[in-house]
């Protein structure tokens, strides 16, 4: 899954249906693949916007607090 997502972000033009099939062959269901794609797309979009507007980066403590919240609540799209 991580290799698929990295390819999606770093070299999206080279992504093919075979890449998705390889992830499915490892036992990842369509819903899992779809959710991972949506999460990465959202974070990539947020990062591009933040870079464009030169947003400040939060502290390590704030990142850790956010991570705990996401692990507790999960991602809901």
PDB file of N, CA and C in Angstrom:
ATOM      1  N   UNK A   1       0.822  -1.184   0.000  1.00  0.00           N
ATOM      2  CA  UNK A   1       0.000   0.000   0.000  1.00  0.00           C
ATOM      3  C   UNK A   1       0.866   1.249   0.000  1.00  0.00           C
ATOM      4  N   UNK A   2       1.895   1.264   0.852  1.00  0.00           N
ATOM      5  CA  UNK A   2       2.743   2.457   0.916  1.00  0.00           C
ATOM      6  C   UNK A   2       3.459   2.709  -0.404  1.00  0.00           C
ATOM      7  N   UNK A   3       3.907   1.652  -1.064  1.00  0.00           N
ATOM      8  CA  UNK A   3       4.568   1.829  -2.360  1.00  0.00           C
ATOM      9  C   UNK A   3       3.579   2.408  -3.381  1.00  0.00           C
ATOM     10  N   UNK A   4       2.351   1.942  -3.359  1.00  0.00           N
ATOM     11  CA  UNK A   4       1.320   2.460  -4.250  1.00  0.00           C
ATOM     12  C   UNK A   4       1.096   3.953  -3.996  1.00  0.00           C
ATOM     13  N   UNK A   5       0.944   4.321  -2.723  1.00  0.00           N
ATOM     14  CA  UNK A   5       0.682   5.712  -2.369  1.00  0.00           C
ATOM     15  C   UNK A   5       1.866   6.614  -2.703  1.00  0.00           C
ATOM     16  N   UNK A   6       3.078   6.109  -2.473  1.00  0.00           N
ATOM     17  CA  UNK A   6       4.253   6.903  -2.825  1.00  0.00           C
ATOM     18  C   UNK A   6       4.303   7.157  -4.330  1.00  0.00           C
ATOM     19  N   UNK A   7       4.022   6.139  -5.112  1.00  0.00           N
ATOM     20  CA  UNK A   7       3.998   6.299  -6.564  1.00  0.00           C
ATOM     21  C   UNK A   7       2.900   7.275  -6.980  1.00  0.00           C
ATOM     22  N   UNK A   8       1.764   7.199  -6.307  1.00  0.00           N
ATOM     23  CA  UNK A   8       0.651   8.096  -6.614  1.00  0.00           C
ATOM     24  C   UNK A   8       1.052   9.559  -6.404  1.00  0.00           C
ATOM     25  N   UNK A   9       1.834   9.808  -5.353  1.00  0.00           N
ATOM     26  CA  UNK A   9       2.238  11.182  -5.036  1.00  0.00           C
ATOM     27  C   UNK A   9       3.439  11.623  -5.869  1.00  0.00           C
ATOM     28  N   UNK A  10       4.447  10.772  -5.980  1.00  0.00           N
ATOM     29  CA  UNK A  10       5.694  11.179  -6.615  1.00  0.00           C
ATOM     30  C   UNK A  10       5.705  11.061  -8.130  1.00  0.00           C
ATOM     31  N   UNK A  11       4.963  10.087  -8.667  1.00  0.00           N
ATOM     32  CA  UNK A  11       4.990   9.860 -10.114  1.00  0.00           C
ATOM     33  C   UNK A  11       3.607   9.399 -10.599  1.00  0.00           C
ATOM     34  N   UNK A  12       2.595  10.241 -10.430  1.00  0.00           N
ATOM     35  CA  UNK A  12       1.222   9.805 -10.734  1.00  0.00           C
ATOM     36  C   UNK A  12       1.003   9.401 -12.185  1.00  0.00           C
ATOM     37  N   UNK A  13       1.775   9.965 -13.113  1.00  0.00           N
ATOM     38  CA  UNK A  13       1.597   9.608 -14.526  1.00  0.00           C
ATOM     39  C   UNK A  13       1.967   8.154 -14.808  1.00  0.00           C
ATOM     40  N   UNK A  14       2.772   7.556 -13.941  1.00  0.00           N
ATOM     41  CA  UNK A  14       3.185   6.177 -14.175  1.00  0.00           C
ATOM     42  C   UNK A  14       2.263   5.161 -13.490  1.00  0.00           C
ATOM     43  N   UNK A  15       1.306   5.642 -12.701  1.00  0.00           N
ATOM     44  CA  UNK A  15       0.384   4.749 -12.003  1.00  0.00           C
ATOM     45  C   UNK A  15      -0.561   4.094 -13.004  1.00  0.00           C
ATOM     46  N   UNK A  16      -0.718   2.792 -12.891  1.00  0.00           N
ATOM     47  CA  UNK A  16      -1.579   2.043 -13.811  1.00  0.00           C
ATOM     48  C   UNK A  16      -2.551   1.169 -13.015  1.00  0.00           C
ATOM     49  N   UNK A  17      -3.552   0.626 -13.669  1.00  0.00           N
ATOM     50  CA  UNK A  17      -4.458  -0.305 -12.987  1.00  0.00           C
ATOM     51  C   UNK A  17      -3.715  -1.488 -12.357  1.00  0.00           C
ATOM     52  N   UNK A  18      -2.614  -1.877 -12.948  1.00  0.00           N
ATOM     53  CA  UNK A  18      -1.833  -2.989 -12.389  1.00  0.00           C
ATOM     54  C   UNK A  18      -1.321  -2.662 -10.986  1.00  0.00           C
ATOM     55  N   UNK A  19      -1.037  -1.386 -10.718  1.00  0.00           N
ATOM     56  CA  UNK A  19      -0.593  -0.994  -9.382  1.00  0.00           C
ATOM     57  C   UNK A  19      -1.698  -1.228  -8.352  1.00  0.00           C
ATOM     58  N   UNK A  20      -2.916  -0.880  -8.711  1.00  0.00           N
ATOM     59  CA  UNK A  20      -4.046  -1.132  -7.826  1.00  0.00           C
ATOM     60  C   UNK A  20      -4.298  -2.615  -7.639  1.00  0.00           C
ATOM     61  N   UNK A  21      -4.161  -3.367  -8.708  1.00  0.00           N
ATOM     62  CA  UNK A  21      -4.348  -4.816  -8.623  1.00  0.00           C
ATOM     63  C   UNK A  21      -3.304  -5.455  -7.714  1.00  0.00           C
ATOM     64  N   UNK A  22      -2.079  -4.937  -7.738  1.00  0.00           N
ATOM     65  CA  UNK A  22      -1.020  -5.469  -6.871  1.00  0.00           C
ATOM     66  C   UNK A  22      -1.374  -5.265  -5.404  1.00  0.00           C
ATOM     67  N   UNK A  23      -1.954  -4.116  -5.077  1.00  0.00           N
ATOM     68  CA  UNK A  23      -2.378  -3.856  -3.698  1.00  0.00           C
ATOM     69  C   UNK A  23      -3.520  -4.786  -3.318  1.00  0.00           C
ATOM     70  N   UNK A  24      -4.484  -4.944  -4.211  1.00  0.00           N
ATOM     71  CA  UNK A  24      -5.607  -5.863  -3.949  1.00  0.00           C
ATOM     72  C   UNK A  24      -5.119  -7.298  -3.764  1.00  0.00           C
ATOM     73  N   UNK A  25      -4.104  -7.690  -4.520  1.00  0.00           N
ATOM     74  CA  UNK A  25      -3.574  -9.054  -4.419  1.00  0.00           C
ATOM     75  C   UNK A  25      -2.972  -9.318  -3.040  1.00  0.00           C
ATOM     76  N   UNK A  26      -2.579  -8.255  -2.345  1.00  0.00           N
ATOM     77  CA  UNK A  26      -2.055  -8.396  -0.985  1.00  0.00           C
ATOM     78  C   UNK A  26      -3.165  -8.486   0.052  1.00  0.00           C
ATOM     79  N   UNK A  27      -4.418  -8.409  -0.404  1.00  0.00           N
ATOM     80  CA  UNK A  27      -5.548  -8.560   0.499  1.00  0.00           C
ATOM     81  C   UNK A  27      -6.208  -7.262   0.924  1.00  0.00           C
ATOM     82  N   UNK A  28      -5.792  -6.145   0.347  1.00  0.00           N
ATOM     83  CA  UNK A  28      -6.408  -4.860   0.685  1.00  0.00           C
ATOM     84  C   UNK A  28      -7.723  -4.756  -0.086  1.00  0.00           C
ATOM     85  N   UNK A  29      -8.829  -4.554   0.625  1.00  0.00           N
ATOM     86  CA  UNK A  29     -10.115  -4.444  -0.076  1.00  0.00           C
ATOM     87  C   UNK A  29     -10.239  -3.104  -0.794  1.00  0.00           C
ATOM     88  N   UNK A  30     -11.149  -3.039  -1.733  1.00  0.00           N
ATOM     89  CA  UNK A  30     -11.363  -1.803  -2.496  1.00  0.00           C
ATOM     90  C   UNK A  30     -11.604  -0.608  -1.582  1.00  0.00           C
ATOM     91  N   UNK A  31     -12.407  -0.801  -0.532  1.00  0.00           N
ATOM     92  CA  UNK A  31     -12.709   0.300   0.385  1.00  0.00           C
ATOM     93  C   UNK A  31     -11.435   0.790   1.090  1.00  0.00           C
ATOM     94  N   UNK A  32     -10.537  -0.119   1.452  1.00  0.00           N
ATOM     95  CA  UNK A  32      -9.276   0.271   2.073  1.00  0.00           C
ATOM     96  C   UNK A  32      -8.400   1.058   1.118  1.00  0.00           C
ATOM     97  N   UNK A  33      -8.336   0.616  -0.111  1.00  0.00           N
ATOM     98  CA  UNK A  33      -7.557   1.315  -1.138  1.00  0.00           C
ATOM     99  C   UNK A  33      -8.151   2.694  -1.398  1.00  0.00           C
ATOM    100  N   UNK A  34      -9.462   2.756  -1.511  1.00  0.00           N
ATOM    101  CA  UNK A  34     -10.145   4.029  -1.759  1.00  0.00           C
ATOM    102  C   UNK A  34      -9.909   5.003  -0.603  1.00  0.00           C
ATOM    103  N   UNK A  35     -10.013   4.524   0.621  1.00  0.00           N
ATOM    104  CA  UNK A  35      -9.803   5.383   1.787  1.00  0.00           C
ATOM    105  C   UNK A  35      -8.378   5.913   1.827  1.00  0.00           C
ATOM    106  N   UNK A  36      -7.401   5.058   1.574  1.00  0.00           N
ATOM    107  CA  UNK A  36      -5.999   5.490   1.577  1.00  0.00           C
ATOM    108  C   UNK A  36      -5.758   6.553   0.500  1.00  0.00           C
ATOM    109  N   UNK A  37      -6.323   6.348  -0.675  1.00  0.00           N
ATOM    110  CA  UNK A  37      -6.167   7.324  -1.760  1.00  0.00           C
ATOM    111  C   UNK A  37      -6.777   8.668  -1.361  1.00  0.00           C
ATOM    112  N   UNK A  38      -7.959   8.643  -0.749  1.00  0.00           N
ATOM    113  CA  UNK A  38      -8.616   9.887  -0.338  1.00  0.00           C
ATOM    114  C   UNK A  38      -7.823  10.620   0.740  1.00  0.00           C
ATOM    115  N   UNK A  39      -7.278   9.877   1.693  1.00  0.00           N
ATOM    116  CA  UNK A  39      -6.484  10.495   2.763  1.00  0.00           C
ATOM    117  C   UNK A  39      -5.238  11.150   2.181  1.00  0.00           C
ATOM    118  N   UNK A  40      -4.519  10.429   1.325  1.00  0.00           N
ATOM    119  CA  UNK A  40      -3.304  10.988   0.719  1.00  0.00           C
ATOM    120  C   UNK A  40      -3.642  12.185  -0.170  1.00  0.00           C
ATOM    121  N   UNK A  41      -4.715  12.091  -0.922  1.00  0.00           N
ATOM    122  CA  UNK A  41      -5.120  13.220  -1.773  1.00  0.00           C
ATOM    123  C   UNK A  41      -5.436  14.448  -0.921  1.00  0.00           C
ATOM    124  N   UNK A  42      -6.121  14.246   0.189  1.00  0.00           N
ATOM    125  CA  UNK A  42      -6.459  15.371   1.067  1.00  0.00           C
ATOM    126  C   UNK A  42      -5.197  15.997   1.654  1.00  0.00           C
ATOM    127  N   UNK A  43      -4.296  15.167   2.160  1.00  0.00           N
ATOM    128  CA  UNK A  43      -3.068  15.700   2.743  1.00  0.00           C
ATOM    129  C   UNK A  43      -2.190  16.365   1.690  1.00  0.00           C
ATOM    130  N   UNK A  44      -2.136  15.807   0.497  1.00  0.00           N
ATOM    131  CA  UNK A  44      -1.345  16.415  -0.574  1.00  0.00           C
ATOM    132  C   UNK A  44      -1.901  17.784  -0.948  1.00  0.00           C
ATOM    133  N   UNK A  45      -3.219  17.876  -1.031  1.00  0.00           N
ATOM    134  CA  UNK A  45      -3.858  19.156  -1.347  1.00  0.00           C
ATOM    135  C   UNK A  45      -3.587  20.182  -0.251  1.00  0.00           C
ATOM    136  N   UNK A  46      -3.746  19.768   0.994  1.00  0.00           N
ATOM    137  CA  UNK A  46      -3.490  20.670   2.117  1.00  0.00           C
ATOM    138  C   UNK A  46      -2.041  21.149   2.102  1.00  0.00           C
ATOM    139  N   UNK A  47      -1.106  20.233   1.831  1.00  0.00           N
ATOM    140  CA  UNK A  47       0.307  20.602   1.787  1.00  0.00           C
ATOM    141  C   UNK A  47       0.580  21.610   0.684  1.00  0.00           C
ATOM    142  N   UNK A  48       0.000  21.406  -0.485  1.00  0.00           N
ATOM    143  CA  UNK A  48       0.211  22.348  -1.595  1.00  0.00           C
ATOM    144  C   UNK A  48      -0.348  23.732  -1.260  1.00  0.00           C
ATOM    145  N   UNK A  49      -1.525  23.762  -0.635  1.00  0.00           N
ATOM    146  CA  UNK A  49      -2.105  25.048  -0.232  1.00  0.00           C
ATOM    147  C   UNK A  49      -1.239  25.710   0.834  1.00  0.00           C
ATOM    148  N   UNK A  50      -0.799  24.941   1.811  1.00  0.00           N
ATOM    149  CA  UNK A  50       0.047  25.486   2.876  1.00  0.00           C
ATOM    150  C   UNK A  50       1.348  26.043   2.315  1.00  0.00           C
ATOM    151  N   UNK A  51       1.947  25.333   1.379  1.00  0.00           N
ATOM    152  CA  UNK A  51       3.181  25.818   0.750  1.00  0.00           C
ATOM    153  C   UNK A  51       2.921  27.109  -0.036  1.00  0.00           C
ATOM    154  N   UNK A  52       1.817  27.155  -0.739  1.00  0.00           N
ATOM    155  CA  UNK A  52       1.480  28.334  -1.539  1.00  0.00           C
ATOM    156  C   UNK A  52       1.331  29.582  -0.676  1.00  0.00           C
ATOM    157  N   UNK A  53       0.677  29.415   0.481  1.00  0.00           N
ATOM    158  CA  UNK A  53       0.421  30.555   1.356  1.00  0.00           C
ATOM    159  C   UNK A  53       1.416  30.677   2.503  1.00  0.00           C
ATOM    160  N   UNK A  54       2.478  29.869   2.467  1.00  0.00           N
ATOM    161  CA  UNK A  54       3.565  29.926   3.452  1.00  0.00           C
ATOM    162  C   UNK A  54       3.036  29.801   4.882  1.00  0.00           C
ATOM    163  N   UNK A  55       2.190  28.795   5.109  1.00  0.00           N
ATOM    164  CA  UNK A  55       1.643  28.564   6.442  1.00  0.00           C
ATOM    165  C   UNK A  55       2.754  28.174   7.410  1.00  0.00           C
ATOM    166  N   UNK A  56       2.580  28.515   8.662  1.00  0.00           N
ATOM    167  CA  UNK A  56       3.534  28.134   9.710  1.00  0.00           C
ATOM    168  C   UNK A  56       3.365  26.648  10.027  1.00  0.00           C
ATOM    169  N   UNK A  57       4.463  26.008  10.364  1.00  0.00           N
ATOM    170  CA  UNK A  57       4.449  24.594  10.758  1.00  0.00           C
ATOM    171  C   UNK A  57       4.227  24.534  12.268  1.00  0.00           C
ATOM    172  N   UNK A  58       3.340  23.660  12.700  1.00  0.00           N
ATOM    173  CA  UNK A  58       3.086  23.557  14.131  1.00  0.00           C
ATOM    174  C   UNK A  58       4.220  22.848  14.856  1.00  0.00           C
ATOM    175  N   UNK A  59       4.230  22.957  16.152  1.00  0.00           N
ATOM    176  CA  UNK A  59       5.288  22.364  16.973  1.00  0.00           C
ATOM    177  C   UNK A  59       5.180  20.844  16.987  1.00  0.00           C
ATOM    178  N   UNK A  60       6.267  20.183  17.415  1.00  0.00           N
ATOM    179  CA  UNK A  60       6.247  18.721  17.546  1.00  0.00           C
ATOM    180  C   UNK A  60       5.162  18.281  18.519  1.00  0.00           C
ATOM    181  N   UNK A  61       4.983  19.033  19.611  1.00  0.00           N
ATOM    182  CA  UNK A  61       3.949  18.684  20.593  1.00  0.00           C
ATOM    183  C   UNK A  61       2.562  18.730  19.960  1.00  0.00           C
ATOM    184  N   UNK A  62       2.315  19.726  19.128  1.00  0.00           N
ATOM    185  CA  UNK A  62       1.016  19.833  18.462  1.00  0.00           C
ATOM    186  C   UNK A  62       0.816  18.688  17.470  1.00  0.00           C
ATOM    187  N   UNK A  63       1.879  18.329  16.736  1.00  0.00           N
ATOM    188  CA  UNK A  63       1.786  17.181  15.822  1.00  0.00           C
ATOM    189  C   UNK A  63       1.443  15.915  16.592  1.00  0.00           C
ATOM    190  N   UNK A  64       2.094  15.705  17.737  1.00  0.00           N
ATOM    191  CA  UNK A  64       1.846  14.501  18.541  1.00  0.00           C
ATOM    192  C   UNK A  64       0.412  14.491  19.070  1.00  0.00           C
ATOM    193  N   UNK A  65      -0.090  15.640  19.500  1.00  0.00           N
ATOM    194  CA  UNK A  65      -1.474  15.714  19.983  1.00  0.00           C
ATOM    195  C   UNK A  65      -2.451  15.394  18.850  1.00  0.00           C
ATOM    196  N   UNK A  66      -2.185  15.928  17.676  1.00  0.00           N
ATOM    197  CA  UNK A  66      -3.044  15.632  16.519  1.00  0.00           C
ATOM    198  C   UNK A  66      -2.997  14.149  16.171  1.00  0.00           C
ATOM    199  N   UNK A  67      -1.811  13.565  16.228  1.00  0.00           N
ATOM    200  CA  UNK A  67      -1.663  12.141  15.914  1.00  0.00           C
ATOM    201  C   UNK A  67      -2.467  11.285  16.897  1.00  0.00           C
ATOM    202  N   UNK A  68      -2.409  11.637  18.185  1.00  0.00           N
ATOM    203  CA  UNK A  68      -3.186  10.887  19.180  1.00  0.00           C
ATOM    204  C   UNK A  68      -4.686  10.986  18.873  1.00  0.00           C
ATOM    205  N   UNK A  69      -5.144  12.167  18.507  1.00  0.00           N
ATOM    206  CA  UNK A  69      -6.555  12.355  18.187  1.00  0.00           C
ATOM    207  C   UNK A  69      -6.950  11.530  16.961  1.00  0.00           C
ATOM    208  N   UNK A  70      -6.095  11.545  15.926  1.00  0.00           N
ATOM    209  CA  UNK A  70      -6.415  10.784  14.712  1.00  0.00           C
ATOM    210  C   UNK A  70      -6.413   9.282  14.982  1.00  0.00           C
ATOM    211  N   UNK A  71      -5.478   8.818  15.812  1.00  0.00           N
ATOM    212  CA  UNK A  71      -5.450   7.393  16.154  1.00  0.00           C
ATOM    213  C   UNK A  71      -6.686   6.993  16.955  1.00  0.00           C
ATOM    214  N   UNK A  72      -7.163   7.903  17.797  1.00  0.00           N
ATOM    215  CA  UNK A  72      -8.340   7.625  18.601  1.00  0.00           C
ATOM    216  C   UNK A  72      -9.624   7.658  17.778  1.00  0.00           C
ATOM    217  N   UNK A  73      -9.765   8.689  16.920  1.00  0.00           N
ATOM    218  CA  UNK A  73     -11.009   8.894  16.165  1.00  0.00           C
ATOM    219  C   UNK A  73     -10.965   8.309  14.774  1.00  0.00           C
ATOM    220  N   UNK A  74      -9.773   8.217  14.180  1.00  0.00           N
ATOM    221  CA  UNK A  74      -9.646   7.728  12.815  1.00  0.00           C
ATOM    222  C   UNK A  74      -9.971   8.808  11.801  1.00  0.00           C
ATOM    223  N   UNK A  75      -9.953   8.420  10.544  1.00  0.00           N
ATOM    224  CA  UNK A  75     -10.291   9.321   9.444  1.00  0.00           C
ATOM    225  C   UNK A  75     -11.706   9.022   8.999  1.00  0.00           C
ATOM    226  N   UNK A  76     -12.496  10.043   8.858  1.00  0.00           N
ATOM    227  CA  UNK A  76     -13.851   9.873   8.371  1.00  0.00           C
ATOM    228  C   UNK A  76     -14.007  10.764   7.154  1.00  0.00           C
ATOM    229  N   UNK A  77     -14.354  10.179   6.021  1.00  0.00           N
ATOM    230  CA  UNK A  77     -14.531  10.950   4.784  1.00  0.00           C
ATOM    231  C   UNK A  77     -15.965  10.806   4.339  1.00  0.00           C
TER     232      UNK A  77
END
